[in-house]
Each structure stands twice: as C-alpha cells, then as structure tokens.
C-alpha cells in the first residue's frame, strides 16, 4: 500500500465525516444551543424584570407605609383632640351640676331658715302669752286675742 493512497483515503473519509457531521449532527446541535441561549437570555430578562418589579413594589410599599403613618398620626391627633374635648365637656357638666346643687342647697337652707324663723315666732308668741298670763295672773284666751298674737308674731 502506498502512503499517498492512504493519505487520500483518510482525507476522503475525513471529508465524508465532516460532511456527515455538518449535514446531520451540527444543525440539531446548533438549534439546541440557540434554544438554550434564548432560554437563558429570557430567564435573565425575566430576572431583571422581576428585580425592577420588586424595586417598584418596594417603593410603592414604602409610600403606602408613609401614607399609613401620616393617617395614623392624624387619627391619634383627632383622638387626642376628642379626648381633650370630652374632658372639657365633663368639667363643664360637673361645674353645672355643682352650681345646680349649690343653688338647691341654698334654696333648702333658705327654706329651713324660714321654717326656723316661723317656729321661733310661734314659740316666742306662746312664751309672750305665757309671760303675759303670769304677769296678769289670769288666763289669756289665745282665740280671743288671735289678732293681738298675730301682730306680736309679725313684729318678731
């Protein structure tokens, strides 16, 4: 066998191998690689989109939290204002009730004083009648001298 022939046969079989590989093996392999590259690129793009979406969501959440804090502050301020108002209303109601009780007590005291004066007048008139009776040593008839006794009571 001749070395040239061997080289030519090897070159022809290597060419056939390259042709076969390029025609039947290389295209499906390239499609699989391109598909995988596309999937990787889509995954990276989705990851970036997810990252951006997460950032946007985080900003929105921070904004909502800030709004909620402001609203909570407003609610607390309103509650404090209402509590102060309720305290003031209770104080004024207590003052009014105290004033009403003072007036009622003063009226009751005035009535008691009037009753005491009337009672004292009656007792003084009885004492006056008793004293006059002892002075005159005779009995004074209260019915007969009712006008005189009323005058004495009025003067006292």
Protein backbone atom coordinates (compact mmCIF):
# COMPACT_ATOMS: atom_id res chain seq x y z
CA UNK A 1 0.00 0.00 0.00
CA UNK A 2 1.12 3.33 -0.87
CA UNK A 3 1.29 6.13 1.63
CA UNK A 4 -0.28 8.57 -0.78
CA UNK A 5 -3.21 6.37 -1.27
CA UNK A 6 -3.62 6.03 2.46
CA UNK A 7 -3.49 9.80 2.89
CA UNK A 8 -6.01 10.32 0.11
CA UNK A 9 -8.34 7.66 1.58
CA UNK A 10 -8.02 9.23 5.00
CA UNK A 11 -8.68 12.69 3.56
CA UNK A 12 -11.77 11.40 1.71
CA UNK A 13 -13.10 9.65 4.82
CA UNK A 14 -12.35 12.77 6.93
CA UNK A 15 -14.22 14.91 4.35
CA UNK A 16 -17.16 12.46 4.41
CA UNK A 17 -17.12 12.62 8.21
CA UNK A 18 -17.13 16.44 8.13
CA UNK A 19 -19.92 16.48 5.55
CA UNK A 20 -21.99 13.99 7.59
CA UNK A 21 -21.38 15.94 10.80
CA UNK A 22 -22.19 19.28 9.13
CA UNK A 23 -25.31 17.90 7.44
CA UNK A 24 -26.86 15.75 10.18
CA UNK A 25 -25.28 16.43 13.56
CA UNK A 26 -24.34 20.12 13.52
CA UNK A 27 -27.82 21.65 12.72
CA UNK A 28 -29.68 19.94 15.61
CA UNK A 29 -26.79 20.73 17.93
CA UNK A 30 -26.86 24.41 16.89
CA UNK A 31 -30.65 24.54 17.31
CA UNK A 32 -30.33 23.10 20.81
CA UNK A 33 -27.57 25.61 21.66
CA UNK A 34 -29.58 28.53 20.25
CA UNK A 35 -32.70 27.37 22.12
CA UNK A 36 -30.70 27.14 25.33
CA UNK A 37 -29.16 30.57 24.73
CA UNK A 38 -32.63 32.00 24.12
CA UNK A 39 -33.94 30.40 27.33
CA UNK A 40 -31.00 31.77 29.29
CA UNK A 41 -31.49 35.23 27.78
CA UNK A 42 -35.25 35.08 28.54
CA UNK A 43 -34.52 33.95 32.08
CA UNK A 44 -32.06 36.79 32.60
CA UNK A 45 -34.53 39.28 31.15
CA UNK A 46 -37.29 37.91 33.39
CA UNK A 47 -34.93 38.14 36.35
CA UNK A 48 -34.16 41.76 35.54
CA UNK A 49 -37.86 42.48 35.05
CA UNK A 50 -38.60 40.80 38.37
CA UNK A 51 -35.88 42.87 40.03
CA UNK A 52 -37.35 46.09 38.60
CA UNK A 53 -40.84 44.98 39.62
CA UNK A 54 -39.58 44.24 43.11
CA UNK A 55 -38.00 47.69 43.35
CA UNK A 56 -41.22 49.34 42.16
CA UNK A 57 -43.25 47.28 44.61
CA UNK A 58 -40.85 48.16 47.43
CA UNK A 59 -41.19 51.87 46.60
CA UNK A 60 -44.98 51.57 46.50
CA UNK A 61 -44.97 49.71 49.79
CA UNK A 62 -42.77 52.43 51.34
CA UNK A 63 -45.13 55.11 50.02
CA UNK A 64 -48.17 53.27 51.41
CA UNK A 65 -46.44 52.82 54.76
CA UNK A 66 -45.62 56.54 54.82
CA UNK A 67 -49.26 57.36 53.99
CA UNK A 68 -50.44 54.97 56.69
CA UNK A 69 -48.10 56.60 59.23
CA UNK A 70 -49.42 60.05 58.31
CA UNK A 71 -53.00 58.79 58.58
CA UNK A 72 -52.24 57.13 61.92
CA UNK A 73 -50.77 60.40 63.15
CA UNK A 74 -53.91 62.23 62.07
CA UNK A 75 -56.10 59.67 63.81
CA UNK A 76 -54.05 59.95 67.00
CA UNK A 77 -54.24 63.75 66.85
CA UNK A 78 -58.01 63.59 66.35
CA UNK A 79 -58.33 61.14 69.23
CA UNK A 80 -56.29 63.40 71.49
CA UNK A 81 -58.37 66.40 70.45
CA UNK A 82 -61.60 64.48 71.09
CA UNK A 83 -60.31 63.30 74.47
CA UNK A 84 -59.47 66.88 75.44
CA UNK A 85 -62.89 67.99 74.26
CA UNK A 86 -64.60 65.23 76.23
CA UNK A 87 -62.63 66.21 79.35
CA UNK A 88 -63.67 69.83 78.94
CA UNK A 89 -67.29 68.81 78.41
CA UNK A 90 -67.16 66.66 81.55
CA UNK A 91 -65.61 69.53 83.52
CA UNK A 92 -68.28 71.97 82.39
CA UNK A 93 -71.03 69.42 83.11
CA UNK A 94 -69.55 68.88 86.58
CA UNK A 95 -69.42 72.65 87.14
CA UNK A 96 -73.04 72.99 86.05
CA UNK A 97 -74.09 70.13 88.29
CA UNK A 98 -72.16 71.67 91.19
CA UNK A 99 -73.84 75.01 90.59
CA UNK A 100 -77.26 73.34 90.48
CA UNK A 101 -76.51 71.51 93.72
CA UNK A 102 -75.30 74.76 95.32
CA UNK A 103 -78.49 76.54 94.28
CA UNK A 104 -80.61 73.66 95.55
CA UNK A 105 -78.71 73.65 98.84
CA UNK A 106 -79.08 77.42 99.17
CA UNK A 107 -82.82 77.15 98.49
CA UNK A 108 -83.13 74.35 101.02
CA UNK A 109 -81.16 76.39 103.57
CA UNK A 110 -83.42 79.40 102.93
CA UNK A 111 -86.49 77.23 103.45
CA UNK A 112 -85.04 75.77 106.64
CA UNK A 113 -84.21 79.28 107.89
CA UNK A 114 -87.77 80.41 107.10
CA UNK A 115 -89.21 77.37 108.88
CA UNK A 116 -86.94 78.00 111.86
CA UNK A 117 -88.00 81.67 111.98
CA UNK A 118 -91.66 80.69 111.81
CA UNK A 119 -91.14 78.10 114.52
CA UNK A 120 -89.31 80.64 116.67
CA UNK A 121 -92.04 83.22 116.11
CA UNK A 122 -94.67 80.73 117.19
CA UNK A 123 -92.65 79.76 120.26
CA UNK A 124 -91.95 83.40 121.13
CA UNK A 125 -95.65 84.24 120.82
CA UNK A 126 -96.50 81.31 123.10
CA UNK A 127 -93.86 82.49 125.54
CA UNK A 128 -95.22 86.01 125.31
CA UNK A 129 -98.72 84.73 126.02
CA UNK A 130 -97.43 82.64 128.92
CA UNK A 131 -95.46 85.59 130.24
CA UNK A 132 -98.42 87.92 129.91
CA UNK A 133 -100.59 85.35 131.63
CA UNK A 134 -98.21 85.16 134.54
CA UNK A 135 -97.96 88.92 134.68
CA UNK A 136 -101.67 89.39 134.64
CA UNK A 137 -102.25 86.31 136.73
CA UNK A 138 -105.14 85.35 134.72
CA UNK A 139 -105.59 83.28 131.65
CA UNK A 140 -105.36 84.93 128.31
CA UNK A 141 -107.53 83.25 125.72
CA UNK A 142 -105.48 82.70 122.53
CA UNK A 143 -108.59 82.52 120.38
CA UNK A 144 -109.91 85.75 121.69
CA UNK A 145 -106.70 87.62 121.30
CA UNK A 146 -105.59 85.99 117.98
CA UNK A 147 -105.23 89.37 116.26
CA UNK A 148 -103.01 90.62 119.04
CA UNK A 149 -100.87 87.46 118.86
CA UNK A 150 -100.52 87.73 115.07
CA UNK A 151 -99.35 91.31 115.47
CA UNK A 152 -96.77 90.19 118.04
CA UNK A 153 -95.61 87.40 115.72
CA UNK A 154 -95.24 89.80 112.79
CA UNK A 155 -93.22 92.22 114.84
CA UNK A 156 -90.80 89.50 115.85
